N, C-alpha and C. Protein backbone atom coordinates (compact mmCIF):
# COMPACT_ATOMS: atom_id res chain seq x y z
N MET A 1 -18.78 2.07 -0.57
CA MET A 1 -17.55 2.00 -0.42
C MET A 1 -16.89 0.50 0.09
N PRO A 2 -16.09 -0.39 -0.40
CA PRO A 2 -16.21 -1.64 -0.10
C PRO A 2 -15.02 -1.87 1.24
N SER A 3 -15.14 -2.68 1.74
CA SER A 3 -14.25 -2.79 3.32
C SER A 3 -12.97 -3.25 2.71
N LEU A 4 -11.67 -2.92 3.66
CA LEU A 4 -10.59 -3.09 3.03
C LEU A 4 -10.43 -4.62 3.54
N PRO A 5 -9.63 -5.32 2.61
CA PRO A 5 -9.17 -6.75 3.07
C PRO A 5 -7.69 -6.73 3.93
N VAL A 6 -7.50 -7.90 4.50
CA VAL A 6 -6.56 -8.36 5.52
C VAL A 6 -5.54 -9.08 5.08
N ILE A 7 -4.67 -8.23 4.03
CA ILE A 7 -3.69 -8.41 3.25
C ILE A 7 -1.79 -8.50 3.74
N SER A 8 -1.16 -9.08 3.07
CA SER A 8 0.25 -9.08 3.57
C SER A 8 0.89 -7.44 3.02
N GLY A 9 2.07 -7.67 3.80
CA GLY A 9 2.61 -6.52 3.07
C GLY A 9 3.22 -6.20 1.58
N ASN A 10 3.44 -7.78 1.28
CA ASN A 10 4.06 -8.14 -0.05
C ASN A 10 2.77 -7.77 -1.24
N GLU A 11 1.44 -8.38 -0.89
CA GLU A 11 0.46 -7.80 -1.57
C GLU A 11 -0.16 -6.57 -1.68
N THR A 12 0.47 -5.97 -0.62
CA THR A 12 0.23 -4.12 -0.67
C THR A 12 1.00 -3.68 -1.59
N VAL A 13 2.12 -4.03 -1.53
CA VAL A 13 3.42 -3.35 -2.31
C VAL A 13 3.02 -3.39 -3.71
N ARG A 14 2.66 -4.93 -4.20
CA ARG A 14 2.16 -5.38 -5.61
C ARG A 14 1.05 -4.57 -6.02
N ALA A 15 0.10 -4.28 -5.16
CA ALA A 15 -0.71 -3.45 -5.88
C ALA A 15 -0.63 -1.73 -5.81
N LEU A 16 0.35 -1.51 -5.08
CA LEU A 16 0.66 -0.22 -5.20
C LEU A 16 1.62 0.32 -6.48
N GLN A 17 2.37 -0.99 -6.73
CA GLN A 17 3.15 -0.90 -7.82
C GLN A 17 2.35 -0.79 -8.98
N ARG A 18 1.28 -1.56 -8.62
CA ARG A 18 0.60 -1.68 -10.31
C ARG A 18 -0.35 -0.19 -10.67
N LEU A 19 -0.59 0.69 -9.47
CA LEU A 19 -0.83 1.93 -9.39
C LEU A 19 -0.17 3.04 -9.87
N GLY A 20 1.35 2.51 -10.14
CA GLY A 20 2.48 3.40 -10.31
C GLY A 20 3.16 3.86 -9.48
N PHE A 21 3.13 3.03 -8.26
CA PHE A 21 4.13 3.70 -7.04
C PHE A 21 5.38 2.93 -7.57
N VAL A 22 6.62 3.12 -7.05
CA VAL A 22 8.03 2.64 -7.01
C VAL A 22 8.61 2.53 -5.77
N VAL A 23 9.33 1.28 -5.67
CA VAL A 23 9.95 0.98 -4.76
C VAL A 23 11.21 1.91 -4.30
N VAL A 24 11.12 2.59 -3.34
CA VAL A 24 12.26 3.51 -3.39
C VAL A 24 13.31 2.82 -2.23
N ARG A 25 12.80 2.48 -1.37
CA ARG A 25 14.26 1.94 -0.53
C ARG A 25 13.12 1.11 0.58
N GLN A 26 14.44 0.27 1.23
CA GLN A 26 14.01 -0.88 2.27
C GLN A 26 15.06 -0.64 3.74
N ARG A 27 14.20 -0.28 4.75
CA ARG A 27 14.99 -0.43 6.08
C ARG A 27 14.22 -1.38 6.68
N GLY A 28 14.91 -2.53 7.29
CA GLY A 28 14.28 -3.41 7.96
C GLY A 28 12.94 -4.10 7.31
N SER A 29 11.68 -3.54 8.40
CA SER A 29 10.62 -4.20 7.31
C SER A 29 9.76 -3.09 6.98
N HIS A 30 10.21 -2.10 6.55
CA HIS A 30 9.53 -0.87 5.95
C HIS A 30 9.82 -0.55 4.94
N ILE A 31 8.98 -0.70 4.04
CA ILE A 31 9.32 -0.47 2.53
C ILE A 31 8.67 1.06 2.07
N VAL A 32 9.54 1.83 1.89
CA VAL A 32 9.06 3.11 1.07
C VAL A 32 8.89 3.35 -0.15
N LEU A 33 7.50 3.53 -0.69
CA LEU A 33 7.16 3.69 -2.04
C LEU A 33 7.14 5.22 -2.62
N ARG A 34 7.05 5.29 -3.65
CA ARG A 34 6.94 6.88 -3.98
C ARG A 34 6.17 6.77 -5.34
N LYS A 35 5.59 7.59 -5.56
CA LYS A 35 4.97 8.23 -7.12
C LYS A 35 4.78 9.48 -7.02
N GLU A 36 5.69 10.11 -8.12
CA GLU A 36 6.07 11.66 -7.89
C GLU A 36 5.98 12.22 -6.63
N HIS A 37 5.25 13.42 -6.16
CA HIS A 37 5.27 13.78 -5.02
C HIS A 37 4.34 13.34 -3.92
N GLN A 38 3.80 11.93 -4.12
CA GLN A 38 2.78 11.13 -3.22
C GLN A 38 3.98 9.90 -2.98
N GLY A 39 3.81 9.68 -1.06
CA GLY A 39 4.96 8.37 -0.84
C GLY A 39 3.65 7.84 -0.05
N CYS A 40 4.57 6.89 0.49
CA CYS A 40 3.60 5.79 1.56
C CYS A 40 4.99 4.84 2.00
N VAL A 41 4.76 4.45 3.28
CA VAL A 41 5.42 3.41 4.24
C VAL A 41 4.75 2.16 3.92
N VAL A 42 4.83 1.34 3.67
CA VAL A 42 4.18 -0.03 3.91
C VAL A 42 5.16 -1.03 4.94
N PRO A 43 4.36 -1.60 6.08
CA PRO A 43 4.87 -2.37 6.70
C PRO A 43 5.03 -3.60 6.35
N ASN A 44 6.23 -4.50 5.83
CA ASN A 44 6.34 -5.73 5.46
C ASN A 44 6.08 -7.07 6.41
N HIS A 45 5.11 -7.00 7.29
CA HIS A 45 4.44 -7.75 7.53
C HIS A 45 3.40 -9.33 6.89
N ARG A 46 3.13 -9.90 7.75
CA ARG A 46 2.17 -11.11 7.30
C ARG A 46 0.90 -10.56 7.10
N GLU A 47 0.36 -9.95 7.93
CA GLU A 47 -0.87 -9.28 7.91
C GLU A 47 -1.00 -7.80 8.20
N ILE A 48 -1.53 -6.96 7.33
CA ILE A 48 -1.36 -5.27 7.77
C ILE A 48 -2.61 -5.23 8.26
N LYS A 49 -2.86 -4.53 9.47
CA LYS A 49 -4.51 -4.73 10.06
C LYS A 49 -5.15 -3.44 8.85
N VAL A 50 -6.26 -3.35 9.39
CA VAL A 50 -7.45 -2.63 8.05
C VAL A 50 -7.20 -1.06 8.66
N GLY A 51 -6.90 -0.68 9.45
CA GLY A 51 -6.90 0.87 10.06
C GLY A 51 -5.56 1.21 9.65
N THR A 52 -4.16 0.41 9.62
CA THR A 52 -3.25 0.52 9.01
C THR A 52 -3.25 0.88 7.50
N LEU A 53 -3.86 0.08 7.32
CA LEU A 53 -3.65 -0.18 4.86
C LEU A 53 -4.73 1.35 4.90
N ALA A 54 -5.68 1.62 6.04
CA ALA A 54 -6.67 2.76 5.51
C ALA A 54 -5.75 3.90 5.56
N GLY A 55 -4.60 4.07 6.60
CA GLY A 55 -4.05 5.01 6.92
C GLY A 55 -3.00 4.88 5.83
N LEU A 56 -2.33 4.09 5.11
CA LEU A 56 -1.28 4.29 4.32
C LEU A 56 -2.18 4.52 2.56
N LEU A 57 -3.31 4.11 2.66
CA LEU A 57 -3.84 4.22 1.29
C LEU A 57 -4.05 6.02 1.43
N LYS A 58 -4.47 6.52 2.41
CA LYS A 58 -4.72 7.87 2.89
C LYS A 58 -3.26 8.90 2.59
N GLN A 59 -2.23 8.50 3.17
CA GLN A 59 -1.06 9.07 2.77
C GLN A 59 -0.26 8.86 1.38
N ALA A 60 -0.68 7.58 0.89
CA ALA A 60 -0.43 7.69 -0.67
C ALA A 60 -1.28 8.10 -1.46
N GLY A 61 -2.68 8.49 -1.22
CA GLY A 61 -3.46 9.48 -2.15
C GLY A 61 -4.15 8.62 -2.75
N VAL A 62 -4.45 7.35 -2.49
CA VAL A 62 -5.14 6.28 -3.37
C VAL A 62 -6.63 5.87 -2.74
N SER A 63 -7.40 5.66 -3.40
CA SER A 63 -8.72 5.74 -2.87
C SER A 63 -8.76 3.96 -2.67
N ILE A 64 -9.97 3.85 -1.83
CA ILE A 64 -9.94 2.23 -1.67
C ILE A 64 -10.40 1.55 -3.12
N ASP A 65 -11.40 1.80 -3.88
CA ASP A 65 -11.53 1.59 -4.88
C ASP A 65 -10.77 1.04 -5.71
N ASP A 66 -10.03 1.99 -6.05
CA ASP A 66 -8.52 1.71 -7.12
C ASP A 66 -7.46 0.73 -6.43
N PHE A 67 -7.54 0.58 -5.03
CA PHE A 67 -6.49 -0.01 -4.52
C PHE A 67 -7.03 -1.30 -4.58
N ILE A 68 -8.55 -1.65 -4.49
CA ILE A 68 -9.07 -3.30 -4.61
C ILE A 68 -9.20 -3.59 -5.74
N ASN A 69 -9.14 -2.67 -6.79
CA ASN A 69 -8.92 -2.99 -8.37
C ASN A 69 -7.66 -3.40 -8.81
N ALA A 70 -6.93 -2.69 -8.15
CA ALA A 70 -5.36 -3.36 -8.30
C ALA A 70 -4.98 -4.45 -7.60
N LEU A 71 -5.73 -4.85 -6.92
CA LEU A 71 -5.60 -6.34 -6.22
C LEU A 71 -6.12 -7.34 -6.88
N ARG A 72 -6.84 -7.19 -7.49
CA ARG A 72 -7.30 -8.42 -8.89
C ARG A 72 -6.44 -8.49 -9.84
């Protein structure tokens, strides 16, 4: 299992959109995405910490491998 990169909130949103997630709403610096019954909240920060990103992917039901492939 590859390690997670330190990336921005915008890059995270773009990768999740490639995986089929849709931006539902944004309030302040938090973007809510949804795909069917799965959802997640992405902080729109310059850098998202690795632990935060791991929790976000767990909340969304996305594997680390799928997410890293969507980044490319």
